[in-house]
N, C-alpha and C. Protein backbone atom coordinates (compact mmCIF):
# COMPACT_ATOMS: atom_id res chain seq x y z
N MET A 1 25.73 55.67 -26.59
CA MET A 1 26.72 54.99 -25.77
C MET A 1 26.42 53.49 -25.79
N ASN A 2 27.46 52.71 -25.95
CA ASN A 2 27.33 51.26 -25.89
C ASN A 2 27.08 50.83 -24.46
N THR A 3 26.19 49.86 -24.30
CA THR A 3 25.93 49.31 -22.97
C THR A 3 26.03 47.79 -23.04
N VAL A 4 26.24 47.20 -21.89
CA VAL A 4 26.28 45.75 -21.76
C VAL A 4 25.56 45.39 -20.47
N THR A 5 24.73 44.37 -20.52
CA THR A 5 24.02 43.91 -19.33
C THR A 5 24.96 43.00 -18.52
N PRO A 6 24.64 42.79 -17.26
CA PRO A 6 25.45 41.85 -16.48
C PRO A 6 25.52 40.46 -17.12
N LEU A 7 24.42 39.97 -17.66
CA LEU A 7 24.42 38.65 -18.30
C LEU A 7 25.33 38.62 -19.53
N GLU A 8 25.27 39.66 -20.35
CA GLU A 8 26.14 39.72 -21.53
C GLU A 8 27.61 39.78 -21.11
N LEU A 9 27.91 40.62 -20.12
CA LEU A 9 29.29 40.73 -19.65
C LEU A 9 29.79 39.40 -19.12
N LYS A 10 28.98 38.72 -18.33
CA LYS A 10 29.38 37.42 -17.80
C LYS A 10 29.69 36.45 -18.93
N SER A 11 28.89 36.49 -19.98
CA SER A 11 29.13 35.63 -21.14
C SER A 11 30.45 35.98 -21.81
N TRP A 12 30.72 37.27 -21.99
CA TRP A 12 32.00 37.70 -22.57
C TRP A 12 33.17 37.18 -21.74
N LEU A 13 33.06 37.35 -20.43
CA LEU A 13 34.15 36.94 -19.53
C LEU A 13 34.32 35.43 -19.49
N ASP A 14 33.23 34.71 -19.58
CA ASP A 14 33.31 33.25 -19.57
C ASP A 14 33.89 32.70 -20.88
N ASN A 15 33.51 33.32 -22.00
CA ASN A 15 33.90 32.80 -23.31
C ASN A 15 35.24 33.30 -23.83
N ASP A 16 35.59 34.54 -23.53
CA ASP A 16 36.84 35.09 -24.05
C ASP A 16 37.32 36.22 -23.15
N PRO A 17 37.78 35.90 -21.94
CA PRO A 17 38.15 36.95 -20.99
C PRO A 17 39.28 37.85 -21.49
N ALA A 18 40.13 37.35 -22.34
CA ALA A 18 41.25 38.15 -22.84
C ALA A 18 40.80 39.27 -23.77
N SER A 19 39.55 39.20 -24.24
CA SER A 19 39.06 40.22 -25.16
C SER A 19 38.37 41.38 -24.44
N VAL A 20 38.33 41.32 -23.10
CA VAL A 20 37.60 42.31 -22.30
C VAL A 20 38.54 42.96 -21.29
N GLN A 21 38.46 44.30 -21.21
CA GLN A 21 39.15 45.03 -20.15
C GLN A 21 38.07 45.62 -19.25
N LEU A 22 38.09 45.27 -17.98
CA LEU A 22 37.15 45.82 -17.00
C LEU A 22 37.79 47.00 -16.28
N ILE A 23 37.03 48.09 -16.20
CA ILE A 23 37.54 49.28 -15.50
C ILE A 23 36.51 49.73 -14.47
N ASP A 24 36.94 49.76 -13.23
CA ASP A 24 36.13 50.17 -12.09
C ASP A 24 36.43 51.64 -11.81
N VAL A 25 35.42 52.52 -11.95
CA VAL A 25 35.65 53.95 -11.77
C VAL A 25 35.22 54.44 -10.38
N ARG A 26 34.97 53.49 -9.47
CA ARG A 26 34.62 53.87 -8.10
C ARG A 26 35.88 54.29 -7.35
N GLU A 27 35.70 54.71 -6.13
CA GLU A 27 36.81 55.10 -5.27
C GLU A 27 37.45 53.84 -4.66
N PRO A 28 38.71 53.94 -4.23
CA PRO A 28 39.42 52.77 -3.70
C PRO A 28 38.69 52.02 -2.59
N GLU A 29 38.06 52.73 -1.66
CA GLU A 29 37.37 52.04 -0.57
C GLU A 29 36.17 51.24 -1.09
N GLU A 30 35.49 51.73 -2.10
CA GLU A 30 34.38 50.99 -2.70
C GLU A 30 34.89 49.74 -3.41
N HIS A 31 36.01 49.89 -4.09
CA HIS A 31 36.64 48.79 -4.83
C HIS A 31 37.04 47.67 -3.87
N ARG A 32 37.56 48.04 -2.72
CA ARG A 32 37.97 47.04 -1.73
C ARG A 32 36.77 46.27 -1.17
N GLU A 33 35.62 46.93 -1.07
CA GLU A 33 34.43 46.30 -0.50
C GLU A 33 33.84 45.23 -1.41
N PHE A 34 33.86 45.47 -2.73
CA PHE A 34 33.29 44.52 -3.68
C PHE A 34 33.96 44.73 -5.03
N ASP A 35 34.50 43.67 -5.59
CA ASP A 35 35.30 43.78 -6.82
C ASP A 35 34.99 42.61 -7.73
N ILE A 36 34.74 42.88 -9.01
CA ILE A 36 34.51 41.81 -9.98
C ILE A 36 35.72 41.62 -10.89
N GLY A 37 36.84 42.19 -10.49
CA GLY A 37 38.07 41.96 -11.23
C GLY A 37 38.54 43.11 -12.10
N GLY A 38 37.88 44.26 -11.99
CA GLY A 38 38.26 45.40 -12.82
C GLY A 38 39.48 46.14 -12.30
N GLU A 39 40.13 46.83 -13.22
CA GLU A 39 41.25 47.71 -12.86
C GLU A 39 40.66 48.98 -12.26
N LEU A 40 41.21 49.43 -11.16
CA LEU A 40 40.72 50.62 -10.50
C LEU A 40 41.24 51.87 -11.20
N MET A 41 40.31 52.69 -11.71
CA MET A 41 40.62 53.98 -12.31
C MET A 41 39.53 54.95 -11.87
N PRO A 42 39.62 55.50 -10.65
CA PRO A 42 38.55 56.34 -10.13
C PRO A 42 38.19 57.47 -11.10
N LEU A 43 36.91 57.76 -11.18
CA LEU A 43 36.44 58.83 -12.06
C LEU A 43 37.17 60.14 -11.78
N THR A 44 37.45 60.39 -10.51
CA THR A 44 38.13 61.64 -10.13
C THR A 44 39.55 61.73 -10.69
N GLU A 45 40.10 60.58 -11.12
CA GLU A 45 41.47 60.54 -11.66
C GLU A 45 41.52 59.96 -13.07
N ILE A 46 40.38 59.87 -13.75
CA ILE A 46 40.32 59.13 -15.01
C ILE A 46 41.29 59.66 -16.05
N HIS A 47 41.51 60.97 -16.10
CA HIS A 47 42.43 61.52 -17.10
C HIS A 47 43.86 61.03 -16.89
N GLU A 48 44.22 60.72 -15.67
CA GLU A 48 45.57 60.23 -15.37
C GLU A 48 45.77 58.78 -15.80
N HIS A 49 44.69 58.07 -16.09
CA HIS A 49 44.76 56.64 -16.40
C HIS A 49 44.42 56.31 -17.85
N MET A 50 44.12 57.30 -18.66
CA MET A 50 43.63 57.03 -20.01
C MET A 50 44.60 56.20 -20.85
N GLN A 51 45.88 56.34 -20.61
CA GLN A 51 46.86 55.58 -21.39
C GLN A 51 46.78 54.08 -21.12
N ARG A 52 46.12 53.67 -20.03
CA ARG A 52 45.98 52.26 -19.69
C ARG A 52 44.80 51.58 -20.40
N ILE A 53 44.00 52.35 -21.12
CA ILE A 53 42.84 51.80 -21.80
C ILE A 53 43.30 51.07 -23.06
N GLU A 54 42.88 49.83 -23.18
CA GLU A 54 43.33 48.97 -24.28
C GLU A 54 42.32 49.05 -25.44
N SER A 55 42.68 49.80 -26.47
CA SER A 55 41.74 50.08 -27.57
C SER A 55 41.46 48.86 -28.45
N ASP A 56 42.19 47.78 -28.27
CA ASP A 56 41.96 46.57 -29.07
C ASP A 56 41.04 45.57 -28.37
N LYS A 57 40.43 45.99 -27.26
CA LYS A 57 39.53 45.13 -26.50
C LYS A 57 38.17 45.81 -26.32
N LYS A 58 37.20 45.01 -25.89
CA LYS A 58 35.94 45.58 -25.41
C LYS A 58 36.26 46.13 -24.02
N VAL A 59 36.08 47.41 -23.83
CA VAL A 59 36.41 48.04 -22.56
C VAL A 59 35.11 48.35 -21.83
N VAL A 60 34.91 47.68 -20.69
CA VAL A 60 33.68 47.82 -19.92
C VAL A 60 33.96 48.62 -18.66
N PHE A 61 33.26 49.73 -18.53
CA PHE A 61 33.37 50.59 -17.36
C PHE A 61 32.20 50.30 -16.44
N TYR A 62 32.47 50.32 -15.13
CA TYR A 62 31.38 50.12 -14.19
C TYR A 62 31.62 50.90 -12.91
N CYS A 63 30.53 51.13 -12.20
CA CYS A 63 30.55 51.75 -10.88
C CYS A 63 29.38 51.14 -10.09
N LYS A 64 28.90 51.80 -9.10
CA LYS A 64 27.82 51.23 -8.29
C LYS A 64 26.52 51.11 -9.07
N MET A 65 26.11 52.21 -9.75
CA MET A 65 24.80 52.24 -10.42
C MET A 65 24.88 52.48 -11.93
N GLY A 66 26.04 52.86 -12.43
CA GLY A 66 26.19 53.10 -13.86
C GLY A 66 26.30 54.56 -14.26
N VAL A 67 26.22 55.46 -13.31
CA VAL A 67 26.27 56.90 -13.62
C VAL A 67 27.71 57.38 -13.77
N ARG A 68 28.56 57.08 -12.80
CA ARG A 68 29.96 57.52 -12.89
C ARG A 68 30.66 56.88 -14.07
N SER A 69 30.34 55.62 -14.34
CA SER A 69 30.97 54.96 -15.49
C SER A 69 30.53 55.60 -16.80
N MET A 70 29.28 56.05 -16.87
CA MET A 70 28.80 56.76 -18.05
C MET A 70 29.58 58.06 -18.23
N LEU A 71 29.79 58.78 -17.16
CA LEU A 71 30.57 60.03 -17.22
C LEU A 71 32.00 59.76 -17.66
N ALA A 72 32.59 58.69 -17.15
CA ALA A 72 33.96 58.34 -17.53
C ALA A 72 34.04 58.08 -19.03
N ILE A 73 33.09 57.33 -19.55
CA ILE A 73 33.08 57.03 -20.99
C ILE A 73 32.95 58.32 -21.79
N GLN A 74 32.05 59.21 -21.38
CA GLN A 74 31.88 60.47 -22.09
C GLN A 74 33.18 61.27 -22.12
N ARG A 75 33.88 61.31 -21.01
CA ARG A 75 35.14 62.06 -20.93
C ARG A 75 36.21 61.42 -21.83
N ILE A 76 36.28 60.11 -21.81
CA ILE A 76 37.30 59.41 -22.60
C ILE A 76 37.00 59.53 -24.09
N GLU A 77 35.74 59.35 -24.45
CA GLU A 77 35.37 59.49 -25.86
C GLU A 77 35.68 60.88 -26.37
N ALA A 78 35.39 61.91 -25.55
CA ALA A 78 35.66 63.29 -25.96
C ALA A 78 37.16 63.54 -26.10
N LYS A 79 37.95 62.97 -25.23
CA LYS A 79 39.40 63.21 -25.23
C LYS A 79 40.14 62.35 -26.26
N LEU A 80 39.80 61.07 -26.33
CA LEU A 80 40.56 60.13 -27.15
C LEU A 80 39.83 59.67 -28.42
N GLY A 81 38.53 59.89 -28.48
CA GLY A 81 37.77 59.46 -29.64
C GLY A 81 37.70 57.95 -29.81
N LEU A 82 37.79 57.21 -28.72
CA LEU A 82 37.76 55.74 -28.78
C LEU A 82 36.34 55.23 -28.96
N SER A 83 36.23 54.10 -29.64
CA SER A 83 34.96 53.37 -29.67
C SER A 83 35.21 52.05 -28.96
N GLY A 84 34.20 51.20 -28.86
CA GLY A 84 34.39 49.93 -28.16
C GLY A 84 34.37 50.08 -26.66
N LEU A 85 33.82 51.20 -26.17
CA LEU A 85 33.68 51.41 -24.73
C LEU A 85 32.24 51.08 -24.35
N TYR A 86 32.08 50.34 -23.27
CA TYR A 86 30.76 49.90 -22.83
C TYR A 86 30.51 50.29 -21.38
N ASN A 87 29.26 50.65 -21.09
CA ASN A 87 28.84 50.95 -19.74
C ASN A 87 28.03 49.76 -19.23
N LEU A 88 28.39 49.25 -18.06
CA LEU A 88 27.63 48.15 -17.46
C LEU A 88 26.29 48.68 -16.98
N THR A 89 25.23 48.25 -17.64
CA THR A 89 23.87 48.70 -17.34
C THR A 89 23.52 48.40 -15.89
N GLY A 90 23.18 49.44 -15.13
CA GLY A 90 22.80 49.25 -13.73
C GLY A 90 23.96 49.07 -12.78
N GLY A 91 25.18 49.07 -13.31
CA GLY A 91 26.38 48.98 -12.49
C GLY A 91 26.44 47.71 -11.66
N LEU A 92 27.21 47.79 -10.59
CA LEU A 92 27.40 46.61 -9.74
C LEU A 92 26.14 46.23 -8.97
N GLU A 93 25.23 47.17 -8.79
CA GLU A 93 23.96 46.81 -8.14
C GLU A 93 23.21 45.81 -9.01
N ALA A 94 23.20 46.02 -10.33
CA ALA A 94 22.56 45.07 -11.26
C ALA A 94 23.32 43.76 -11.28
N TRP A 95 24.66 43.83 -11.23
CA TRP A 95 25.47 42.61 -11.20
C TRP A 95 25.13 41.77 -9.97
N LYS A 96 25.05 42.44 -8.81
CA LYS A 96 24.73 41.73 -7.55
C LYS A 96 23.35 41.10 -7.61
N LYS A 97 22.38 41.79 -8.20
CA LYS A 97 21.02 41.22 -8.30
C LYS A 97 21.04 39.97 -9.17
N GLU A 98 21.87 39.98 -10.19
CA GLU A 98 21.94 38.85 -11.12
C GLU A 98 22.74 37.68 -10.56
N PHE A 99 23.88 38.00 -9.92
CA PHE A 99 24.82 36.95 -9.53
C PHE A 99 25.12 36.88 -8.04
N GLY A 100 24.59 37.80 -7.26
CA GLY A 100 24.88 37.82 -5.84
C GLY A 100 26.17 38.57 -5.55
N SER A 101 26.43 38.76 -4.29
CA SER A 101 27.64 39.54 -3.91
C SER A 101 28.77 38.66 -3.47
């Protein structure tokens, strides 16, 4: 599975934000509490949102710690066979440690 660190992701977003699609697989209440700009596609509903995944971009999935986003990627890869999917290493907890909340 492809992974990206918070520092790498920040660099991607700073240098070419149009080439990255951020997907937040947390639940709506978690998304409202802290958001780095990702589209909300809860893991529990990921199959309903697969058509929104942009295969021509680096697609970065994230959640609180990186576990749910890993599961989302596994499900999408199995169903759609997409590559270019990345899991944010350590999730938003790692992002907060790097950049604050």
